Protein backbone atom coordinates (compact mmCIF):
# COMPACT_ATOMS: atom_id res chain seq x y z
CA MET A 1 5.19 36.57 -3.27
CA ARG A 2 2.66 36.53 -0.45
CA ARG A 3 2.98 34.73 2.88
CA ARG A 4 0.21 34.47 5.39
CA THR A 5 0.80 34.08 9.10
CA HIS A 6 -1.56 33.57 12.01
CA GLN A 7 -1.16 34.22 15.69
CA ILE A 8 -0.30 31.09 17.67
CA THR A 9 -2.86 30.63 20.42
CA ARG A 10 -0.98 28.16 22.60
CA SER A 11 2.14 26.08 22.25
CA ALA A 12 4.02 23.56 24.33
CA PRO A 13 7.61 22.38 24.06
CA ALA A 14 8.22 18.69 23.48
CA THR A 15 11.14 16.28 23.29
CA ARG A 16 11.71 14.73 19.86
CA GLN A 17 10.57 11.11 19.76
CA ILE A 18 10.86 9.23 16.46
CA PRO A 19 8.93 7.28 15.28
CA LEU A 20 5.75 8.94 16.47
CA ARG A 21 2.83 6.74 17.24
CA ALA A 22 -0.76 7.76 17.78
CA ALA A 23 -2.20 6.21 20.93
CA ALA A 24 -5.38 4.17 20.74
CA GLY A 25 -8.61 6.06 21.18
CA LEU A 26 -9.28 9.80 21.17
CA ALA A 27 -6.81 12.01 22.97
CA GLY A 28 -6.36 15.72 23.53
CA SER A 29 -4.90 18.20 25.97
CA GLY A 30 -5.57 18.21 29.69
CA LEU A 31 -8.94 19.95 29.37
CA LEU A 32 -10.21 16.83 27.58
CA ALA A 33 -9.01 14.31 30.11
CA ALA A 34 -12.50 13.00 30.71
CA PHE A 35 -12.80 12.05 27.06
CA VAL A 36 -9.50 10.21 26.63
CA LEU A 37 -9.89 6.53 25.75
CA VAL A 38 -6.89 4.72 27.16
CA GLY A 39 -7.79 1.15 26.26
CA GLY A 40 -10.49 -1.42 25.86
CA PRO A 41 -11.95 -4.10 28.09
CA ALA A 42 -9.74 -6.78 29.54
CA GLY A 43 -8.86 -9.38 26.95
CA ALA A 44 -9.77 -7.14 24.00
CA ALA A 45 -7.61 -7.35 20.91
CA ALA A 46 -4.82 -4.82 20.65
CA LEU A 47 -4.91 -2.29 17.83
CA ALA A 48 -2.54 -3.06 14.98
CA PRO A 49 0.40 -0.63 14.75
CA VAL A 50 0.83 1.21 11.43
CA VAL A 51 4.39 2.39 10.77
CA ILE A 52 4.62 4.81 7.85
CA GLY A 53 7.84 6.76 8.41
CA ASN A 54 8.08 9.91 6.29
CA PRO A 55 5.30 9.52 3.68
CA VAL A 56 7.07 11.66 1.05
CA ALA A 57 10.35 9.72 1.25
CA GLY A 58 11.64 8.97 -2.24
CA ASN A 59 10.78 12.40 -3.67
CA ASN A 60 14.48 13.39 -3.82
CA GLY A 61 13.66 16.71 -2.17
CA PHE A 62 11.27 17.92 -4.89
CA GLY A 63 8.44 19.99 -3.45
CA VAL A 64 5.99 19.05 -6.21
CA VAL A 65 5.93 15.48 -7.53
CA THR A 66 3.39 14.14 -10.05
CA GLN A 67 3.21 10.73 -11.67
CA GLU A 68 1.61 12.07 -14.84
CA HIS A 69 1.21 15.48 -16.49
CA ALA A 70 1.40 18.88 -14.85
CA THR A 71 0.28 22.37 -15.89
CA PHE A 72 1.57 25.52 -14.21
CA GLY A 73 -0.56 28.52 -15.13
CA SER A 74 0.88 31.57 -13.39
CA THR A 75 2.84 32.72 -10.32
CA GLU A 76 5.53 30.38 -8.96
CA SER A 77 6.82 27.40 -7.08
CA GLU A 78 9.39 28.34 -4.46
CA GLY A 79 11.04 24.92 -4.62
CA PRO A 80 12.02 22.28 -7.19
CA VAL A 81 9.45 20.42 -9.29
CA ALA A 82 9.39 16.83 -10.64
CA VAL A 83 6.81 15.88 -13.29
CA GLY A 84 6.47 12.26 -14.31
CA GLY A 85 4.61 13.00 -17.55
CA ASN A 86 4.46 16.00 -19.87
CA LEU A 87 4.76 19.63 -18.78
CA ALA A 88 2.64 22.61 -19.92
CA PHE A 89 2.80 26.19 -18.63
CA GLY A 90 1.39 29.68 -18.91
CA ALA A 91 2.84 33.02 -19.94
CA ASN A 92 5.01 33.52 -16.89
CA TYR A 93 5.79 30.84 -14.32
CA ASN A 94 8.83 30.57 -12.05
CA VAL A 95 10.29 27.38 -10.61
CA ALA A 96 12.78 27.30 -7.72
CA LEU A 97 12.22 30.90 -6.65
CA ASN A 98 13.90 30.25 -3.29
CA THR A 99 15.85 27.00 -3.74
CA PRO A 100 16.83 24.61 -6.55
CA GLY A 101 16.57 21.70 -4.13
CA THR A 102 19.12 19.04 -3.25
CA PHE A 103 18.93 16.49 -6.09
CA THR A 104 22.12 16.63 -8.17
CA ALA A 105 22.44 14.13 -11.01
CA THR A 106 25.71 12.30 -11.55
CA GLY A 107 28.19 14.50 -13.39
CA ASP A 108 26.24 17.74 -12.81
CA ALA A 109 27.57 20.84 -11.12
CA ARG A 110 24.16 22.13 -10.01
CA PRO A 111 21.00 20.64 -8.43
CA THR A 112 18.09 19.75 -10.71
CA ALA A 113 15.31 22.25 -10.06
CA LEU A 114 12.98 21.03 -12.84
CA LEU A 115 12.73 17.34 -13.75
CA VAL A 116 10.31 16.27 -16.50
CA GLY A 117 9.95 12.56 -17.14
CA GLY A 118 8.06 13.17 -20.39
CA GLY A 119 8.46 16.16 -22.67
CA ILE A 120 7.29 19.75 -23.07
CA ASP A 121 3.66 19.86 -24.23
CA TYR A 122 3.98 22.80 -26.62
CA ALA A 123 0.43 22.37 -27.96
CA GLY A 124 -0.97 22.55 -24.43
CA THR A 125 1.27 25.46 -23.40
CA SER A 126 0.43 29.15 -23.75
CA PRO A 127 1.84 30.53 -27.06
CA SER A 128 3.58 33.21 -24.98
CA GLY A 129 4.59 30.72 -22.31
CA VAL A 130 7.83 31.19 -20.43
CA LEU A 131 8.78 28.90 -17.58
CA GLN A 132 11.87 30.20 -15.84
CA VAL A 133 14.10 27.94 -13.73
CA LEU A 134 15.73 30.13 -11.10
CA GLN A 135 18.54 29.88 -8.55
CA ASN A 136 20.91 28.55 -11.26
CA GLY A 137 19.02 25.26 -11.08
CA TYR A 138 19.32 22.67 -13.84
CA ALA A 139 16.50 21.19 -15.91
CA LYS A 140 16.06 17.59 -17.08
CA ILE A 141 13.73 16.72 -19.96
CA GLY A 142 13.17 13.00 -20.55
CA ASN A 143 11.71 13.28 -24.06
CA THR A 144 13.27 15.99 -26.24
CA ALA A 145 11.96 14.75 -29.60
CA ALA A 146 9.84 17.92 -30.00
CA SER A 147 12.44 20.25 -28.49
CA ASP A 148 15.71 21.98 -29.25
CA ILE A 149 18.11 22.72 -26.41
CA LEU A 150 19.90 25.99 -27.15
CA THR A 151 23.10 27.14 -25.49
CA ARG A 152 23.96 29.81 -28.10
CA ASP A 153 21.88 32.64 -29.50
CA GLN A 154 21.35 33.63 -33.16
CA ASN A 155 24.75 35.33 -33.19
CA GLY A 156 26.55 32.26 -31.90
CA ALA A 157 27.22 33.81 -28.50
CA SER A 158 27.25 31.54 -25.45
CA VAL A 159 24.06 32.18 -23.44
CA ASN A 160 21.99 30.72 -20.63
CA THR A 161 20.31 27.50 -21.73
CA GLU A 162 16.79 27.46 -23.20
CA VAL A 163 14.48 24.64 -24.26
CA VAL A 164 12.31 25.65 -27.23
CA ALA A 165 10.10 23.95 -29.79
CA LYS A 166 11.89 22.05 -32.57
CA GLY A 167 13.30 24.52 -35.09
CA ALA A 168 12.42 27.62 -33.03
CA ALA A 169 14.89 30.41 -32.33
CA TYR A 170 16.53 31.47 -29.10
CA ASN A 171 14.14 33.56 -26.96
CA SER A 172 11.13 32.28 -28.91
CA THR A 173 8.00 31.23 -27.04
CA PRO A 174 6.96 28.88 -25.60
CA ARG A 175 10.27 28.19 -23.86
CA VAL A 176 11.86 26.91 -20.67
CA GLN A 177 14.68 29.25 -19.76
CA LEU A 178 17.45 28.73 -17.25
CA THR A 179 19.48 31.30 -15.33
CA THR A 180 22.65 29.31 -15.90
CA GLN A 181 24.50 27.54 -18.69
CA GLN A 182 23.73 23.82 -18.83
CA SER A 183 24.89 21.55 -21.64
CA ALA A 184 22.32 20.09 -24.00
CA ALA A 185 23.45 16.57 -23.09
CA SER A 186 22.86 17.29 -19.42
CA VAL A 187 19.34 18.61 -20.11
CA ALA A 188 18.30 15.65 -22.29
CA GLN A 189 18.31 12.97 -19.59
CA SER A 190 15.65 10.42 -18.75
CA GLY A 191 15.17 7.71 -16.14
CA LEU A 192 16.41 9.77 -13.22
CA MET A 193 13.27 8.94 -11.20
CA ASP A 194 11.05 5.85 -11.45
CA PHE A 195 7.69 7.61 -11.08
CA THR A 196 5.64 4.44 -11.60
CA SER A 197 7.32 2.59 -8.76
CA LEU A 198 7.39 5.67 -6.54
CA PHE A 199 3.65 6.27 -6.86
CA SER A 200 2.88 2.63 -6.25
CA THR A 201 4.68 3.09 -2.94
CA TYR A 202 2.87 6.38 -2.30
CA ARG A 203 -0.52 4.74 -2.86
CA ASP A 204 0.38 1.97 -0.42
CA ARG A 205 1.42 4.57 2.16
CA ALA A 206 -1.78 6.54 1.61
CA ASP A 207 -3.82 3.37 2.17
CA SER A 208 -1.87 2.59 5.34
CA MET A 209 -2.41 6.09 6.71
CA ALA A 210 -6.12 5.78 5.92
CA THR A 211 -6.33 2.92 8.45
CA CYS A 212 -5.08 5.08 11.32
CA GLY A 213 -7.56 5.41 14.15
CA ALA A 214 -8.72 8.91 15.08
CA THR A 215 -7.05 10.50 18.12
CA VAL A 216 -8.13 14.14 17.71
CA ILE A 217 -11.44 15.34 19.13
CA LEU A 218 -13.41 18.05 17.33
CA LEU A 219 -14.14 21.00 19.60
CA ASP A 220 -16.64 23.79 19.04
CA GLY A 221 -15.85 27.50 19.18
CA ASN A 222 -15.98 27.41 22.99
CA GLY A 223 -13.50 24.53 23.18
CA ASP A 224 -16.13 21.95 24.11
CA PRO A 225 -16.27 18.57 22.31
CA LEU A 226 -18.92 18.39 19.61
CA PRO A 227 -21.76 16.26 20.99
CA ASP A 228 -21.81 14.29 17.72
CA GLN A 229 -18.29 13.91 16.34
CA SER A 230 -19.68 12.80 12.97
CA THR A 231 -21.76 15.95 12.41
CA ILE A 232 -20.19 19.33 11.62
CA PRO A 233 -22.64 22.15 10.85
CA THR A 234 -21.89 24.28 7.81
CA GLY A 235 -19.46 27.13 8.48
CA SER A 236 -18.39 25.76 11.86
CA ASP A 237 -15.55 27.21 13.89
CA ILE A 238 -13.72 24.03 14.85
CA LYS A 239 -10.85 23.84 17.31
CA ILE A 240 -8.43 20.96 17.81
CA ALA A 241 -5.93 20.15 20.55
CA LEU A 242 -2.90 17.94 19.91
CA THR A 243 -1.26 15.41 22.22
CA GLN A 244 2.45 16.11 22.52
CA GLY A 245 5.02 13.51 21.48
CA GLN A 246 2.87 11.40 19.16
CA THR A 247 1.28 11.35 15.73
CA ASN A 248 -2.13 12.99 16.00
CA VAL A 249 -4.82 11.71 13.64
CA LEU A 250 -7.89 13.68 12.54
CA ARG A 251 -10.36 11.75 10.40
CA LEU A 252 -12.89 13.64 8.26
CA THR A 253 -15.16 13.03 5.32
CA GLY A 254 -15.00 15.47 2.45
CA GLU A 255 -18.38 16.86 3.49
CA GLN A 256 -17.21 17.39 7.06
CA LEU A 257 -14.06 19.15 5.86
CA ASP A 258 -16.02 21.53 3.64
CA ASN A 259 -18.32 22.39 6.55
CA ILE A 260 -15.39 23.74 8.57
CA GLY A 261 -15.16 27.51 8.16
CA THR A 262 -12.23 28.01 10.52
CA LEU A 263 -9.90 25.31 11.84
CA THR A 264 -8.13 26.63 14.92
CA PHE A 265 -5.08 24.85 16.35
CA LEU A 266 -4.79 25.07 20.13
CA ASP A 267 -1.35 23.42 19.88
CA GLU A 268 1.38 23.78 17.28
CA PRO A 269 2.24 20.70 15.24
CA SER A 270 5.95 19.90 15.38
CA ALA A 271 8.45 17.24 14.38
CA ASP A 272 7.45 15.07 17.34
CA THR A 273 3.80 16.17 17.37
CA PRO A 274 2.73 15.93 13.71
CA LEU A 275 -0.87 16.00 12.52
CA LEU A 276 -2.22 13.53 9.96
CA ILE A 277 -5.59 14.54 8.48
CA ASP A 278 -7.27 11.62 6.70
CA VAL A 279 -9.99 12.79 4.30
CA ASP A 280 -12.48 10.18 3.04
CA THR A 281 -14.07 11.12 -0.31
CA THR A 282 -15.87 7.85 -1.00
CA GLY A 283 -19.20 9.59 -0.35
CA THR A 284 -18.70 11.57 -3.58
CA GLY A 285 -17.08 8.78 -5.57
CA GLY A 286 -13.57 10.14 -5.12
CA ASP A 287 -14.43 13.59 -6.57
CA PHE A 288 -13.93 16.42 -4.10
CA ILE A 289 -14.56 20.16 -4.43
CA TRP A 290 -12.46 21.69 -1.65
CA HIS A 291 -13.50 24.97 -0.05
CA THR A 292 -10.43 25.32 2.13
CA PRO A 293 -10.96 26.49 5.71
CA THR A 294 -9.17 29.35 7.40
CA MET A 295 -6.38 27.68 9.36
CA ALA A 296 -5.75 29.68 12.54
CA GLY A 297 -2.88 29.01 14.91
CA VAL A 298 -0.51 27.67 12.24
CA SER A 299 1.59 29.10 9.42
CA GLY A 300 4.41 28.00 7.14
CA ASP A 301 6.55 27.22 10.19
CA GLN A 302 4.17 24.39 11.13
CA ALA A 303 3.37 23.28 7.57
CA PRO A 304 6.17 20.63 7.53
CA TYR A 305 4.32 18.76 10.27
CA ILE A 306 0.79 18.68 8.77
CA LEU A 307 -0.25 16.18 6.09
CA TRP A 308 -3.60 15.98 4.25
CA ASN A 309 -4.09 12.40 3.12
CA PHE A 310 -6.63 11.83 0.32
CA ALA A 311 -6.12 8.08 -0.11
CA ASP A 312 -9.22 7.36 -2.20
CA ALA A 313 -9.65 10.66 -4.08
CA THR A 314 -9.33 10.61 -7.86
CA ASP A 315 -10.22 14.25 -8.64
CA ILE A 316 -9.70 17.21 -6.29
CA THR A 317 -10.53 20.81 -7.14
CA ILE A 318 -9.48 23.58 -4.78
CA ALA A 319 -12.27 26.03 -5.52
CA ASP A 320 -11.77 28.81 -2.98
CA GLY A 321 -10.80 29.55 0.59
CA ASP A 322 -7.69 30.18 2.61
CA SER A 323 -4.11 28.98 2.18
CA VAL A 324 -3.53 25.27 2.77
CA GLU A 325 -0.92 24.67 5.44
CA GLY A 326 0.70 21.25 5.06
CA THR A 327 1.44 18.61 2.45
CA ILE A 328 -1.32 17.55 0.05
CA TYR A 329 -0.95 13.78 -0.38
CA ALA A 330 -3.27 12.47 -3.12
CA PRO A 331 -1.34 9.89 -5.18
CA ARG A 332 -4.45 8.72 -7.08
CA ALA A 333 -5.90 12.15 -7.84
CA GLU A 334 -5.60 14.92 -10.35
CA LEU A 335 -5.43 18.15 -8.35
CA THR A 336 -6.80 21.31 -9.96
CA ASP A 337 -6.12 24.56 -8.11
CA LEU A 338 -8.44 27.51 -8.90
CA ASP A 339 -7.80 29.43 -5.68
CA PRO A 340 -5.37 32.40 -5.49
CA SER A 341 -4.48 31.46 -1.92
CA ASN A 342 -1.16 29.69 -1.46
CA LEU A 343 -0.27 26.05 -0.94
CA GLU A 344 2.34 25.66 1.77
CA GLY A 345 3.87 22.19 1.74
CA ASP A 346 4.72 19.30 -0.55
CA ILE A 347 2.32 18.28 -3.30
CA ILE A 348 2.13 14.56 -4.12
CA THR A 349 -0.51 13.97 -6.82
CA ARG A 350 -1.11 11.77 -9.82
CA ALA A 351 -1.51 14.89 -11.97
CA LEU A 352 -1.59 18.63 -11.29
CA VAL A 353 -3.18 21.71 -12.85
CA ALA A 354 -1.90 24.67 -10.83
CA GLY A 355 -4.15 27.17 -12.57
CA PRO A 356 -5.80 26.30 -15.91
CA LEU A 357 -4.31 28.26 -18.82
CA SER A 358 -7.62 30.00 -19.59
CA GLY A 359 -10.44 31.48 -17.55
CA GLY A 360 -8.32 33.91 -15.57
CA ALA A 361 -8.12 37.68 -15.66
CA GLY A 362 -7.96 38.97 -19.22
CA GLY A 363 -8.59 35.48 -20.54
CA GLY A 364 -5.19 34.24 -19.38
CA ALA A 365 -4.22 31.61 -16.86
CA VAL A 366 -6.11 31.27 -13.61
CA ASN A 367 -4.19 32.62 -10.62
CA ALA A 368 -3.74 29.55 -8.45
CA GLY A 369 -1.48 31.26 -5.93
CA GLU A 370 2.02 30.26 -5.03
CA ILE A 371 3.44 26.89 -4.00
CA HIS A 372 5.63 27.52 -0.97
CA TYR A 373 8.46 25.13 -0.22
CA PHE A 374 7.86 23.57 3.20
CA PRO A 375 8.94 19.90 2.84
CA PHE A 376 7.16 17.43 5.11
CA ASP A 377 9.57 16.58 7.93
CA ALA A 378 8.14 14.04 10.38
CA ASP A 379 7.90 10.26 10.72
CA LEU A 380 4.39 8.94 11.28
CA GLU A 381 3.25 5.93 13.28
CA CYS A 382 -0.26 5.25 14.52
CA ASP A 383 -2.60 2.58 15.79
CA SER A 384 -4.95 1.16 13.20
CA ASP A 385 -8.66 1.46 13.75
CA THR A 386 -8.78 -2.31 13.11
CA PRO A 387 -7.82 -4.59 16.03
CA THR A 388 -4.96 -7.02 15.54
CA PRO A 389 -6.54 -10.45 14.99
CA VAL A 390 -6.30 -12.83 17.94
CA THR A 391 -4.69 -16.06 16.72
CA GLY A 392 -3.91 -19.52 18.05
CA SER A 393 -3.09 -23.05 16.96
CA VAL A 394 -5.63 -25.53 15.57
CA SER A 395 -4.09 -28.99 15.23
CA VAL A 396 -4.87 -32.63 14.50
CA ARG A 397 -2.90 -35.68 15.66
CA LYS A 398 -3.08 -38.85 13.55
CA THR A 399 -2.74 -42.17 15.42
CA ASP A 400 -3.13 -45.91 14.90
CA ALA A 401 -6.54 -46.92 16.28
CA ASP A 402 -5.11 -50.04 17.96
CA THR A 403 -1.69 -48.96 19.25
CA GLY A 404 -2.11 -45.18 19.62
CA ASP A 405 1.19 -44.68 17.76
CA PRO A 406 1.49 -41.52 15.62
CA LEU A 407 1.03 -42.06 11.90
CA GLN A 408 3.06 -40.41 9.18
CA GLY A 409 1.69 -39.69 5.70
CA ALA A 410 -1.96 -38.79 6.41
CA GLU A 411 -3.19 -35.80 4.36
CA PHE A 412 -5.47 -33.20 5.98
CA GLN A 413 -7.26 -30.01 4.88
CA LEU A 414 -8.37 -27.37 7.40
CA TRP A 415 -11.76 -25.64 6.97
CA ARG A 416 -13.27 -22.65 8.76
CA GLU A 417 -16.96 -22.61 9.67
CA SER A 418 -18.28 -19.69 7.62
CA ASN A 419 -21.73 -20.45 6.20
CA GLY A 420 -23.74 -20.58 9.43
CA THR A 421 -24.72 -24.24 8.94
CA ASP A 422 -23.65 -26.78 11.55
CA GLY A 423 -21.07 -29.30 10.42
CA LEU A 424 -18.64 -29.13 7.53
CA GLN A 425 -19.85 -28.37 4.00
CA THR A 426 -17.10 -28.59 1.39
CA SER A 427 -19.21 -28.14 -1.75
CA GLY A 428 -22.47 -26.71 -3.00
CA THR A 429 -23.43 -23.08 -3.44
CA ASP A 430 -22.30 -21.98 0.01
CA PRO A 431 -19.48 -24.15 1.35
CA ASP A 432 -17.39 -23.42 4.39
CA THR A 433 -14.01 -21.76 3.82
CA LYS A 434 -10.86 -23.71 3.02
CA VAL A 435 -7.86 -22.56 5.07
CA GLY A 436 -4.36 -22.88 3.65
CA ASP A 437 -2.92 -25.79 1.69
CA PRO A 438 -3.25 -29.49 2.45
CA CYS A 439 -0.92 -30.78 5.17
CA VAL A 440 0.75 -34.22 5.41
CA THR A 441 1.55 -35.55 8.87
CA GLY A 442 5.21 -36.11 9.67
CA ALA A 443 6.83 -38.51 12.10
CA ALA A 444 4.95 -36.92 15.02
CA GLY A 445 1.64 -37.52 13.23
CA THR A 446 0.48 -33.88 13.53
CA CYS A 447 -0.76 -31.07 11.32
CA ALA A 448 -1.30 -27.56 12.72
CA GLU A 449 -2.31 -24.10 11.48
CA THR A 450 -2.17 -20.71 13.25
CA VAL A 451 -5.52 -19.02 12.64
CA GLU A 452 -7.86 -16.37 14.00
CA THR A 453 -10.49 -17.27 16.58
CA GLY A 454 -13.44 -19.21 15.17
CA THR A 455 -14.77 -22.71 14.54
CA TYR A 456 -12.74 -25.17 12.45
CA TYR A 457 -12.79 -28.71 11.04
CA TRP A 458 -9.98 -30.98 9.92
CA GLN A 459 -10.86 -33.11 6.90
CA GLU A 460 -8.68 -36.18 6.21
CA THR A 461 -8.27 -36.40 2.44
CA ALA A 462 -5.80 -39.31 2.22
CA ALA A 463 -5.01 -42.04 4.77
CA PRO A 464 -1.47 -43.26 5.46
CA ASP A 465 -0.38 -46.14 3.29
CA GLY A 466 -1.89 -49.36 4.64
CA TYR A 467 -4.70 -47.62 6.52
CA ASP A 468 -8.34 -47.01 5.71
CA LEU A 469 -9.81 -43.52 5.39
CA PRO A 470 -12.40 -43.02 8.17
CA ASP A 471 -16.03 -42.46 7.24
CA PRO A 472 -16.77 -39.66 7.87
CA ALA A 473 -13.23 -38.31 7.60
CA VAL A 474 -14.07 -35.03 9.38
CA PHE A 475 -12.78 -34.12 12.83
CA GLY A 476 -14.21 -31.24 14.80
CA PRO A 477 -15.67 -28.78 15.43
CA LEU A 478 -12.67 -27.17 17.10
CA VAL A 479 -13.63 -23.83 18.64
CA LEU A 480 -10.74 -21.38 19.11
CA THR A 481 -11.66 -18.52 21.48
CA ASP A 482 -9.96 -15.60 23.19
CA GLY A 483 -9.76 -17.78 26.29
CA ASN A 484 -7.93 -20.75 24.75
CA VAL A 485 -5.70 -19.17 22.07
CA ASP A 486 -2.57 -19.54 24.19
CA ALA A 487 -3.03 -23.31 24.56
CA GLY A 488 -4.69 -23.81 21.16
CA VAL A 489 -7.20 -26.54 20.34
CA SER A 490 -6.49 -30.05 19.06
CA VAL A 491 -8.24 -33.23 18.04
CA THR A 492 -7.05 -36.84 17.63
CA ALA A 493 -7.93 -38.71 14.44
CA GLN A 494 -7.60 -42.49 14.54
CA ASP A 495 -7.17 -44.75 11.50
CA THR A 496 -7.45 -48.50 11.36
CA LYS A 497 -5.17 -50.68 9.26
CA THR A 498 -6.49 -52.01 5.98
CA PRO A 499 -7.37 -55.71 6.56
CA VAL A 500 -4.97 -58.07 4.75
CA VAL A 501 -6.12 -61.62 4.02
CA PRO A 502 -3.60 -64.49 4.15
CA GLY A 503 -1.48 -64.61 1.04
CA GLU A 504 -1.76 -60.90 0.44
CA GLY A 505 0.44 -57.89 1.23
CA ARG A 506 1.19 -54.29 0.32
CA VAL A 507 3.48 -53.09 -2.42
CA ARG A 508 4.45 -49.41 -2.25
CA VAL A 509 6.44 -46.83 -4.15
CA ARG A 510 7.60 -43.44 -2.78
CA LYS A 511 8.48 -40.63 -5.19
CA VAL A 512 11.16 -38.17 -4.01
CA ASP A 513 13.31 -35.37 -5.38
CA ALA A 514 16.72 -36.73 -6.39
CA ASP A 515 18.59 -33.86 -4.72
CA SER A 516 16.61 -33.07 -1.60
CA SER A 517 14.76 -36.38 -1.05
CA ALA A 518 11.61 -34.33 -0.48
CA PRO A 519 8.40 -36.26 -1.36
CA LEU A 520 6.89 -35.36 -4.73
CA ARG A 521 3.19 -34.98 -5.36
CA GLY A 522 1.60 -35.63 -8.76
CA ALA A 523 3.71 -38.51 -10.11
CA GLU A 524 1.64 -41.16 -11.92
CA PHE A 525 2.36 -44.87 -11.49
CA GLN A 526 0.95 -48.14 -12.90
CA LEU A 527 1.41 -51.45 -11.05
CA TRP A 528 2.25 -54.62 -13.03
CA ARG A 529 2.45 -58.29 -11.92
CA GLU A 530 5.17 -60.57 -13.26
CA SER A 531 3.18 -63.17 -15.21
CA ASN A 532 4.94 -64.14 -18.47
CA GLY A 533 7.98 -65.93 -17.03
CA THR A 534 10.42 -63.48 -18.61
CA ALA A 535 12.66 -61.51 -16.26
CA GLY A 536 11.92 -57.77 -16.15
CA LEU A 537 8.79 -55.88 -17.07
CA GLN A 538 7.17 -56.32 -20.46
CA THR A 539 4.22 -53.97 -21.07
CA GLY A 540 3.67 -54.72 -24.80
CA GLY A 541 4.11 -57.42 -27.38
CA THR A 542 2.28 -60.72 -27.66
CA ASN A 543 2.83 -61.82 -24.07
CA PRO A 544 3.09 -58.81 -21.70
CA ASP A 545 3.03 -58.94 -17.93
CA THR A 546 -0.29 -58.26 -16.21
CA LYS A 547 -1.52 -54.75 -15.42
CA VAL A 548 -2.91 -54.50 -11.86
CA GLY A 549 -5.63 -51.97 -11.02
CA ASP A 550 -5.84 -48.35 -12.15
CA ARG A 551 -3.08 -45.83 -12.30
CA CYS A 552 -2.18 -44.10 -9.00
CA VAL A 553 -1.12 -40.46 -8.54
CA THR A 554 1.11 -39.67 -5.56
CA GLY A 555 -0.22 -37.31 -2.91
CA LEU A 556 1.71 -34.91 -0.69
CA ALA A 557 3.48 -37.86 0.97
CA GLY A 558 4.75 -38.95 -2.46
CA THR A 559 3.47 -42.53 -2.12
CA CYS A 560 1.34 -45.04 -3.98
CA GLY A 561 0.39 -48.41 -2.53
CA GLN A 562 -1.80 -51.40 -3.27
CA THR A 563 -2.80 -54.64 -1.51
CA VAL A 564 -2.13 -57.64 -3.77
CA PRO A 565 -1.53 -61.43 -3.59
CA THR A 566 2.02 -62.62 -3.03
CA GLY A 567 4.13 -62.45 -6.15
CA THR A 568 6.57 -60.31 -8.10
CA TYR A 569 5.56 -56.77 -9.09
CA TYR A 570 6.86 -53.67 -10.88
CA TRP A 571 5.89 -50.01 -10.51
CA GLN A 572 6.00 -48.15 -13.84
CA GLU A 573 6.11 -44.33 -13.66
CA THR A 574 3.88 -43.09 -16.46
CA ALA A 575 3.98 -39.37 -15.74
CA ALA A 576 6.48 -37.31 -13.70
């Protein structure tokens, strides 16, 4: 077992403050005061807060967690391991060298040090493979169809538990061997972790962390800020200073990261001064060959407070370089480790190959170094690099054109100006953008939406019963700006009553829910006039009553109405 340590250049005590939020702009220690951005111009939108908490929460204390398969070639993991898919291993691999972890299944006497959601991949495992679970830790295998779980040897003596291929003998290879006696029923357990749901959450957290705005300035070997923060020459000696008491955010592309030869910490990360390193690999399509830098000024003691977030990566290969201090967080990626240097922190990956089983010394497994157990132990909070949208109210008030009284039952649709053409366009190849669902005015005669700043139009799509739809039925533009969002913007839409000639009037029907009395949209009605002298409605036979007009479908107000001569009428509901 090898541990690497580095001299700490400078440290500063801090008071624990949870959650830990990264301040807007770029910040550093006192020597960078001239470069600190403490805010924007007056009236500028605030940056949206991003609250992550502990990104690895839900891992049940396992140091390595994969959603799919995992291969462990050689050496060891100091802590417990959870594999969502199938497990393969090399000739000699140890799990839980230092600790079996903290996850104890119901009814068990010991923590689970190895949890496999799938089964043992015997075909993909070295023929001489032995994976040893240490510290008296238990193992859980979700799919044991291809395995036998042995608790007695060939002589019938009680022995430490082994998992071997179906029909194989005790001490045969490949095998998973325990340093304690665990019942076969306890080993053959599934469903202890929902890896699918957990990794959905991990991907969401990775995406959230990827929106964090940068707060860490890149310094050259002399401690001066790089003149171009987006350009890092190959083999650069880069220094970083951390702001105490907050989440520090360093944003890099994969190319920038690989151009760093030495990454020197001028301040120690800690529980209240963690470092989040967001690595963008979109420039290489999510594939990243990682030549890890020498990390000076930090060691395993600081690893629990450093997190490498690869939100978009799908394939990461650690080719060579120094030990990685901190958690590798790549929930979409398969991570392949070819480097004998150690990984010091949690590993959260879709799949893992910790040393391929061929290509190493003597044709055996590649030495991928050790996985040291330094669980991530900080809560993260930052400011997004995207400003919080500025919003306000855009409303319309419907009134009677003659009396000014508010009108109930008018239907409106809000549109946002988006196509660069003056006026409202609701159709064609490039219409403006519809906002939300239609709105029906209530007793106050108003409809309102809370929206971002911009230019809007209200379109009246249905007039109140007994009123005519205006032509044009568009009201606006209403321009919502940073200066008027508090008050909002509004427009008044007036409707005139439908003219009624003498001897005519309106007949109406309103469709409501029988329990809540809420108006119902989409009911179909047909109006009939009493005309055959027989009481009640007759719609068939030789002498039916008289159908009036076309069928009507209720809108959001739940009403249908028609102007007709005086007489007796019936509404027939033809479709609910």
